[in-house]
């Protein structure tokens, strides 16, 4: 038997491929009813002077369950709002407060933008980060990714972070205080994983990509099967499983598959819509859910894809749980042609993830899909 060959250590290091760096999951996840109350030691292990970052209402909500932990260990905390948005201006203010407080770690509490701001702050100052989601609306508590917006809430770009959070605390009691609409939006955001990952990476032979795509399919099936029952019994066992799906499993898929399994047209449509002020009344996952329908409609129109047509009809039925099906459902029924064109042009920008689709998409085609998300299959028109 021939001995296994060893790597040639004399080779020019410039010719060696750099090692892949995977940010798949938080270092530790604590989940359960009243999980925050049981997390004091885990939080205190990360430092002594946390900066607690969230929105105004969330900071008020979290103070009651969090203050006893701060007093017991003890931790010298400062509380700061990330407002007006997860923007560069807000991040500069957060970094100033971090330095002024002489903080040594960050606790992010709230929804997606609050957690994105907290994670990006920790990334910039290179300190540990705890994420405490207060709704099931996104998987931001899990991921090594933050989105940057303008002060007016218009999407600009995303930033890959060095690592996932050091500690994620999924407290079902906190999640249950959020409006049910937030979990419905989280379902919309999470179910997009399948429709985007299967297009961008469904033909990959890379082991981890294959695993991520298949997990996205499992996630879709879980949400199809359990969402209605979960929403009818907030706080119940099935409800908790759906929260796990929207926050944890959705995040794990993004971590395992990386950018290749993260976003395609559904999120690109979301990003374009954020530049329309009227869309700011809707949640991230609501815009993404609408974006899935747009993506499938594009596949029908530009490829004649009957499977996409059937999938769109299936989703339209599922969206009866409270997800938007049309621009009007998003409060954009009165949007002008110029506004829609502006949104479509941004969604089709040179660096947009919409170009992960296996065909070319122009603003005109995207606009046509945006206004026909509920069209019957028999109205399918194939364009060459």
Protein backbone atom coordinates (compact mmCIF):
# COMPACT_ATOMS: atom_id res chain seq x y z
CA UNK A 1 0.00 0.00 0.00
CA UNK A 2 1.32 3.39 -0.93
CA UNK A 3 1.62 5.85 1.99
CA UNK A 4 -0.67 8.84 1.96
CA UNK A 5 1.07 11.82 0.47
CA UNK A 6 1.71 14.86 2.65
CA UNK A 7 1.14 18.43 1.48
CA UNK A 8 4.17 20.05 -0.09
CA UNK A 9 5.07 22.61 2.56
CA UNK A 10 7.79 24.02 0.34
CA UNK A 11 5.25 25.22 -2.20
CA UNK A 12 4.88 28.92 -2.70
CA UNK A 13 2.29 29.97 -0.07
CA UNK A 14 0.90 32.50 -2.54
CA UNK A 15 -0.19 29.56 -4.70
CA UNK A 16 -2.07 27.79 -1.89
CA UNK A 17 -5.80 28.41 -1.63
CA UNK A 18 -6.73 30.28 1.56
CA UNK A 19 -8.70 28.24 4.08
CA UNK A 20 -12.45 28.66 3.99
CA UNK A 21 -13.89 30.46 6.99
CA UNK A 22 -17.37 29.24 7.91
CA UNK A 23 -19.64 31.19 10.25
CA UNK A 24 -22.39 28.65 10.64
CA UNK A 25 -23.92 29.07 14.08
CA UNK A 26 -23.79 30.98 17.36
CA UNK A 27 -21.31 29.62 19.89
CA UNK A 28 -24.19 28.90 22.27
CA UNK A 29 -27.98 28.88 21.97
CA UNK A 30 -30.29 28.94 24.98
CA UNK A 31 -33.96 28.47 24.24
CA UNK A 32 -37.10 27.90 26.25
CA UNK A 33 -39.86 29.54 28.23
CA UNK A 34 -38.29 32.28 30.40
CA UNK A 35 -34.89 31.40 28.93
CA UNK A 36 -33.57 34.89 29.63
CA UNK A 37 -34.03 34.48 33.38
CA UNK A 38 -31.83 31.38 33.27
CA UNK A 39 -29.10 32.98 31.15
CA UNK A 40 -27.45 35.21 33.76
CA UNK A 41 -24.24 33.22 34.15
CA UNK A 42 -23.85 32.77 30.39
CA UNK A 43 -24.24 36.52 29.88
CA UNK A 44 -21.88 37.45 32.72
CA UNK A 45 -19.21 35.11 31.33
CA UNK A 46 -18.79 37.46 28.37
CA UNK A 47 -17.87 40.60 30.30
CA UNK A 48 -18.78 43.06 33.03
CA UNK A 49 -19.96 46.22 31.22
CA UNK A 50 -22.49 45.53 28.46
CA UNK A 51 -23.93 48.08 26.09
CA UNK A 52 -27.56 47.08 25.55
CA UNK A 53 -28.76 48.02 22.05
CA UNK A 54 -32.38 48.00 20.89
CA UNK A 55 -35.30 50.12 19.80
CA UNK A 56 -37.03 52.48 22.23
CA UNK A 57 -40.02 50.21 22.89
CA UNK A 58 -37.93 47.06 23.07
CA UNK A 59 -35.54 48.55 25.60
CA UNK A 60 -38.50 49.41 27.79
CA UNK A 61 -39.89 45.89 27.38
CA UNK A 62 -36.62 44.10 28.15
CA UNK A 63 -35.66 46.16 31.19
CA UNK A 64 -37.99 44.30 33.58
CA UNK A 65 -36.67 40.77 32.88
CA UNK A 66 -33.06 41.86 32.25
CA UNK A 67 -32.43 44.26 35.14
CA UNK A 68 -32.48 41.53 37.85
CA UNK A 69 -29.77 39.68 35.93
CA UNK A 70 -27.66 42.83 35.73
CA UNK A 71 -28.10 43.42 39.46
CA UNK A 72 -27.40 39.84 40.51
CA UNK A 73 -24.04 39.33 38.82
CA UNK A 74 -23.43 42.42 38.86
CA UNK A 75 -23.08 44.03 35.45
CA UNK A 76 -22.62 47.76 34.79
CA UNK A 77 -24.91 48.26 31.82
CA UNK A 78 -25.73 51.19 29.57
CA UNK A 79 -28.86 51.28 27.43
CA UNK A 80 -28.93 52.89 23.99
CA UNK A 81 -31.38 53.05 21.08
CA UNK A 82 -30.09 52.32 17.58
CA UNK A 83 -32.45 54.89 15.99
CA UNK A 84 -33.20 56.25 13.47
CA UNK A 85 -32.28 53.03 11.63
CA UNK A 86 -29.51 50.50 11.19
CA UNK A 87 -27.53 53.14 9.32
CA UNK A 88 -23.94 54.37 9.28
CA UNK A 89 -24.94 57.45 11.31
CA UNK A 90 -26.58 55.29 13.97
CA UNK A 91 -23.58 52.97 14.10
CA UNK A 92 -21.24 55.88 14.67
CA UNK A 93 -23.36 56.95 17.64
CA UNK A 94 -23.44 53.40 19.02
CA UNK A 95 -19.68 53.12 18.74
CA UNK A 96 -19.30 56.45 20.56
CA UNK A 97 -21.50 55.23 23.43
CA UNK A 98 -19.62 51.92 23.54
CA UNK A 99 -16.32 53.75 24.02
CA UNK A 100 -17.78 56.28 26.46
CA UNK A 101 -19.25 53.53 28.64
CA UNK A 102 -16.03 51.50 28.42
CA UNK A 103 -18.18 48.56 27.46
CA UNK A 104 -16.68 45.14 26.90
CA UNK A 105 -19.56 43.36 25.19
CA UNK A 106 -22.88 44.08 23.46
CA UNK A 107 -26.37 42.78 24.15
CA UNK A 108 -28.69 43.24 21.17
CA UNK A 109 -32.43 43.02 21.83
CA UNK A 110 -35.38 43.40 19.48
CA UNK A 111 -36.20 42.72 15.85
CA UNK A 112 -34.03 42.37 12.78
CA UNK A 113 -32.70 45.90 12.46
CA UNK A 114 -31.89 46.23 16.16
CA UNK A 115 -30.02 42.92 16.10
CA UNK A 116 -28.24 43.84 12.87
CA UNK A 117 -27.07 47.10 14.43
CA UNK A 118 -25.89 45.36 17.60
CA UNK A 119 -24.04 42.65 15.66
CA UNK A 120 -22.32 45.15 13.39
CA UNK A 121 -21.28 47.26 16.37
CA UNK A 122 -19.73 44.20 18.05
CA UNK A 123 -18.02 43.31 14.77
CA UNK A 124 -16.46 46.76 14.48
CA UNK A 125 -15.24 46.99 18.07
CA UNK A 126 -14.31 43.28 18.12
CA UNK A 127 -16.18 42.27 21.25
CA UNK A 128 -18.60 39.48 22.21
CA UNK A 129 -22.27 39.81 21.27
CA UNK A 130 -25.46 38.42 22.83
CA UNK A 131 -28.64 38.46 20.72
CA UNK A 132 -32.09 38.37 22.31
CA UNK A 133 -34.84 38.38 19.66
CA UNK A 134 -38.21 39.72 20.81
CA UNK A 135 -40.17 38.37 17.84
CA UNK A 136 -40.00 35.51 15.36
CA UNK A 137 -39.90 37.90 12.43
CA UNK A 138 -36.38 37.12 11.14
CA UNK A 139 -33.31 34.93 11.66
CA UNK A 140 -31.11 37.97 12.41
CA UNK A 141 -30.40 36.70 15.95
CA UNK A 142 -28.48 33.77 14.43
CA UNK A 143 -26.57 35.00 11.40
CA UNK A 144 -23.15 36.50 10.71
CA UNK A 145 -24.71 39.16 8.50
CA UNK A 146 -26.06 42.69 8.93
CA UNK A 147 -28.00 44.88 6.51
CA UNK A 148 -27.23 48.60 6.27
CA UNK A 149 -29.95 51.14 5.49
CA UNK A 150 -30.12 54.90 5.11
CA UNK A 151 -31.52 56.95 7.98
CA UNK A 152 -34.80 56.85 6.02
CA UNK A 153 -34.91 53.04 5.98
CA UNK A 154 -33.75 52.48 2.39
CA UNK A 155 -31.63 49.36 1.89
CA UNK A 156 -28.03 50.05 0.88
CA UNK A 157 -25.94 46.87 1.26
CA UNK A 158 -25.19 43.96 3.55
CA UNK A 159 -22.06 43.23 5.54
CA UNK A 160 -20.64 39.78 6.23
CA UNK A 161 -19.47 39.54 9.85
CA UNK A 162 -16.51 37.66 11.27
CA UNK A 163 -18.67 35.30 13.33
CA UNK A 164 -22.16 34.46 14.46
CA UNK A 165 -23.21 35.71 17.91
CA UNK A 166 -21.47 34.35 21.00
CA UNK A 167 -24.81 33.72 22.71
CA UNK A 168 -28.35 33.60 21.34
CA UNK A 169 -31.18 33.60 23.89
CA UNK A 170 -34.50 32.51 22.39
CA UNK A 171 -37.04 33.24 25.11
CA UNK A 172 -40.48 32.08 24.02
CA UNK A 173 -42.08 34.25 26.70
CA UNK A 174 -40.57 37.35 25.11
CA UNK A 175 -41.44 36.23 21.59
CA UNK A 176 -45.05 35.72 22.62
CA UNK A 177 -45.39 39.39 23.63
CA UNK A 178 -44.88 40.45 20.00
CA UNK A 179 -47.87 40.94 17.68
CA UNK A 180 -48.78 37.76 15.78
CA UNK A 181 -48.12 39.68 12.58
CA UNK A 182 -44.38 39.51 13.31
CA UNK A 183 -44.33 35.71 13.35
CA UNK A 184 -46.38 35.60 10.15
CA UNK A 185 -43.76 37.88 8.58
CA UNK A 186 -41.05 35.55 9.90
CA UNK A 187 -42.77 32.64 8.19
CA UNK A 188 -42.68 34.61 4.93
CA UNK A 189 -38.99 35.41 5.36
CA UNK A 190 -38.06 31.85 6.28
CA UNK A 191 -40.01 30.10 3.54
CA UNK A 192 -38.11 32.18 0.98
CA UNK A 193 -35.00 30.13 1.80
CA UNK A 194 -36.25 27.26 -0.35
CA UNK A 195 -37.40 29.30 -3.33
CA UNK A 196 -34.16 31.28 -3.45
CA UNK A 197 -31.63 28.58 -2.49
CA UNK A 198 -33.11 26.01 -4.87
CA UNK A 199 -32.61 28.44 -7.76
CA UNK A 200 -29.18 29.77 -6.82
CA UNK A 201 -27.63 26.49 -5.63
CA UNK A 202 -30.00 23.65 -6.47
CA UNK A 203 -27.53 22.15 -8.98
CA UNK A 204 -24.49 22.43 -6.72
CA UNK A 205 -22.56 19.26 -5.85
CA UNK A 206 -20.78 20.82 -2.87
CA UNK A 207 -21.67 18.87 0.25
CA UNK A 208 -22.54 21.79 2.50
CA UNK A 209 -24.48 23.58 -0.23
CA UNK A 210 -26.49 20.44 -0.96
CA UNK A 211 -27.20 20.10 2.77
CA UNK A 212 -28.31 23.73 3.03
CA UNK A 213 -30.65 23.48 0.03
CA UNK A 214 -32.23 20.30 1.38
CA UNK A 215 -32.67 21.88 4.80
CA UNK A 216 -34.40 24.79 3.08
CA UNK A 217 -36.85 22.30 1.57
CA UNK A 218 -37.44 20.76 5.01
CA UNK A 219 -38.01 24.24 6.44
CA UNK A 220 -40.60 24.99 3.76
CA UNK A 221 -42.44 21.74 4.49
CA UNK A 222 -42.43 22.39 8.25
CA UNK A 223 -43.96 25.80 7.72
CA UNK A 224 -46.55 24.47 5.26
CA UNK A 225 -47.57 21.79 7.76
CA UNK A 226 -47.47 23.66 11.05
CA UNK A 227 -48.05 27.39 10.52
CA UNK A 228 -51.85 27.38 10.65
CA UNK A 229 -51.93 25.31 13.84
CA UNK A 230 -49.16 27.40 15.40
CA UNK A 231 -50.93 30.69 14.76
CA UNK A 232 -54.13 29.34 16.28
CA UNK A 233 -52.35 28.51 19.56
CA UNK A 234 -49.78 31.22 20.42
CA UNK A 235 -47.29 29.94 22.98
CA UNK A 236 -48.19 26.29 22.41
CA UNK A 237 -45.86 23.47 21.41
CA UNK A 238 -46.46 23.83 17.66
CA UNK A 239 -46.10 27.61 17.91
CA UNK A 240 -42.70 27.13 19.57
CA UNK A 241 -41.64 24.76 16.78
CA UNK A 242 -42.53 27.38 14.18
CA UNK A 243 -40.57 30.02 16.12
CA UNK A 244 -37.60 27.63 16.12
CA UNK A 245 -38.02 27.31 12.36
CA UNK A 246 -38.14 31.05 11.61
CA UNK A 247 -35.33 32.09 13.96
CA UNK A 248 -33.01 29.07 14.30
CA UNK A 249 -33.43 26.74 11.31
CA UNK A 250 -33.64 29.62 8.84
CA UNK A 251 -30.43 31.04 10.31
CA UNK A 252 -28.68 27.66 10.18
CA UNK A 253 -29.45 27.34 6.47
CA UNK A 254 -27.91 30.73 5.77
CA UNK A 255 -24.88 29.84 7.86
CA UNK A 256 -24.34 26.46 6.23
CA UNK A 257 -24.94 27.58 2.66
CA UNK A 258 -23.50 31.08 2.91
CA UNK A 259 -24.18 33.73 0.29
CA UNK A 260 -24.90 31.06 -2.33
CA UNK A 261 -28.03 29.97 -0.44
CA UNK A 262 -29.11 33.26 1.00
CA UNK A 263 -30.93 35.52 -1.42
CA UNK A 264 -32.07 35.77 -5.02
CA UNK A 265 -35.02 37.72 -6.43
CA UNK A 266 -37.31 37.70 -3.38
CA UNK A 267 -34.86 39.68 -1.28
CA UNK A 268 -33.84 41.84 -4.24
CA UNK A 269 -37.49 42.87 -4.61
CA UNK A 270 -37.57 43.65 -0.88
CA UNK A 271 -34.48 45.80 -1.19
CA UNK A 272 -35.96 47.79 -4.06
CA UNK A 273 -39.27 48.30 -2.28
CA UNK A 274 -37.59 49.82 0.78
CA UNK A 275 -36.88 52.89 -1.36
CA UNK A 276 -40.63 53.58 -1.54
CA UNK A 277 -41.64 55.40 1.67
CA UNK A 278 -45.11 53.79 1.70
CA UNK A 279 -43.48 50.34 2.05
CA UNK A 280 -42.00 51.22 5.44
CA UNK A 281 -45.31 50.39 7.10
CA UNK A 282 -44.77 46.74 6.21
CA UNK A 283 -42.32 44.29 7.73
CA UNK A 284 -39.20 42.79 6.17
CA UNK A 285 -40.72 39.31 5.86
CA UNK A 286 -43.90 40.66 4.33
CA UNK A 287 -41.98 42.30 1.51
CA UNK A 288 -39.84 39.17 1.07
CA UNK A 289 -42.95 36.96 0.92
CA UNK A 290 -44.36 39.15 -1.84
CA UNK A 291 -40.95 38.96 -3.51
CA UNK A 292 -41.21 35.16 -3.69
CA UNK A 293 -44.37 35.49 -5.77
CA UNK A 294 -42.60 37.98 -8.02
CA UNK A 295 -39.66 35.60 -8.47
CA UNK A 296 -41.93 32.70 -9.40
CA UNK A 297 -43.86 34.93 -11.77
CA UNK A 298 -40.59 35.87 -13.49
CA UNK A 299 -39.78 32.19 -13.91
CA UNK A 300 -43.19 31.66 -15.51
CA UNK A 301 -42.99 34.69 -17.81
CA UNK A 302 -39.38 34.41 -18.95
CA UNK A 303 -38.85 30.64 -18.89
CA UNK A 304 -42.35 29.23 -19.33
CA UNK A 305 -41.75 27.31 -16.10
CA UNK A 306 -44.95 25.48 -15.24
CA UNK A 307 -43.51 24.20 -11.94
CA UNK A 308 -42.99 27.82 -10.89
CA UNK A 309 -46.59 28.56 -11.89
CA UNK A 310 -47.87 25.71 -9.72
CA UNK A 311 -45.64 26.74 -6.82
CA UNK A 312 -46.99 30.28 -7.02
CA UNK A 313 -50.57 29.05 -6.87
CA UNK A 314 -49.70 26.87 -3.88
CA UNK A 315 -48.19 29.85 -2.10
CA UNK A 316 -51.17 32.07 -2.84
CA UNK A 317 -53.34 29.60 -0.92
CA UNK A 318 -50.83 29.37 1.93
CA UNK A 319 -50.59 33.16 2.14
CA UNK A 320 -54.11 33.16 3.52
CA UNK A 321 -52.43 33.09 6.95
CA UNK A 322 -51.88 36.83 6.49
CA UNK A 323 -49.04 37.27 4.01
CA UNK A 324 -49.30 39.85 1.20
CA UNK A 325 -50.07 38.71 -2.31
CA UNK A 326 -50.10 42.02 -4.19
CA UNK A 327 -48.67 45.52 -4.14
CA UNK A 328 -51.98 46.69 -2.70
CA UNK A 329 -51.55 44.30 0.23
CA UNK A 330 -48.24 46.06 0.90
CA UNK A 331 -49.93 49.46 0.91
CA UNK A 332 -48.49 50.23 -2.52
CA UNK A 333 -51.66 50.03 -4.56
CA UNK A 334 -51.42 53.75 -5.33
CA UNK A 335 -47.73 53.69 -6.25
CA UNK A 336 -47.01 55.59 -9.45
CA UNK A 337 -45.40 54.05 -12.50
CA UNK A 338 -42.30 56.15 -11.83
CA UNK A 339 -42.07 54.83 -8.26
CA UNK A 340 -42.41 51.21 -9.38
CA UNK A 341 -39.79 51.74 -12.06
CA UNK A 342 -37.41 53.22 -9.52
CA UNK A 343 -37.91 50.21 -7.25
CA UNK A 344 -37.44 47.78 -10.15
CA UNK A 345 -34.29 49.54 -11.35
CA UNK A 346 -32.76 49.30 -7.88
CA UNK A 347 -33.72 45.63 -7.61
CA UNK A 348 -32.00 45.03 -10.97
CA UNK A 349 -28.81 46.90 -10.12
CA UNK A 350 -25.48 45.49 -11.24
CA UNK A 351 -24.70 43.93 -7.83
CA UNK A 352 -28.22 42.73 -7.11
CA UNK A 353 -28.83 39.13 -6.09
CA UNK A 354 -31.63 39.00 -8.66
CA UNK A 355 -28.91 38.12 -11.16
CA UNK A 356 -28.52 34.74 -9.46
CA UNK A 357 -31.57 33.76 -11.50
CA UNK A 358 -30.58 31.59 -14.49
CA UNK A 359 -31.92 34.17 -16.95
CA UNK A 360 -31.58 37.89 -17.51
CA UNK A 361 -34.08 40.17 -15.77
CA UNK A 362 -34.61 43.79 -16.80
CA UNK A 363 -36.66 46.42 -14.93
CA UNK A 364 -39.51 46.14 -17.44
CA UNK A 365 -39.86 42.39 -16.90
CA UNK A 366 -39.65 42.85 -13.15
CA UNK A 367 -42.37 45.49 -13.19
CA UNK A 368 -44.61 43.18 -15.21
CA UNK A 369 -44.12 40.44 -12.64
CA UNK A 370 -44.70 42.81 -9.72
CA UNK A 371 -48.17 43.77 -10.96
CA UNK A 372 -49.26 40.21 -11.84
CA UNK A 373 -48.41 38.13 -8.77
CA UNK A 374 -51.96 36.73 -8.54
CA UNK A 375 -52.47 36.06 -12.24
CA UNK A 376 -54.00 32.64 -13.04
CA UNK A 377 -51.73 30.04 -14.59
CA UNK A 378 -53.72 30.13 -17.82
CA UNK A 379 -52.65 33.76 -18.29
CA UNK A 380 -49.02 32.67 -18.55
CA UNK A 381 -47.27 34.52 -21.36
CA UNK A 382 -43.88 33.36 -22.52
CA UNK A 383 -41.53 36.03 -23.74
CA UNK A 384 -38.57 35.01 -25.85
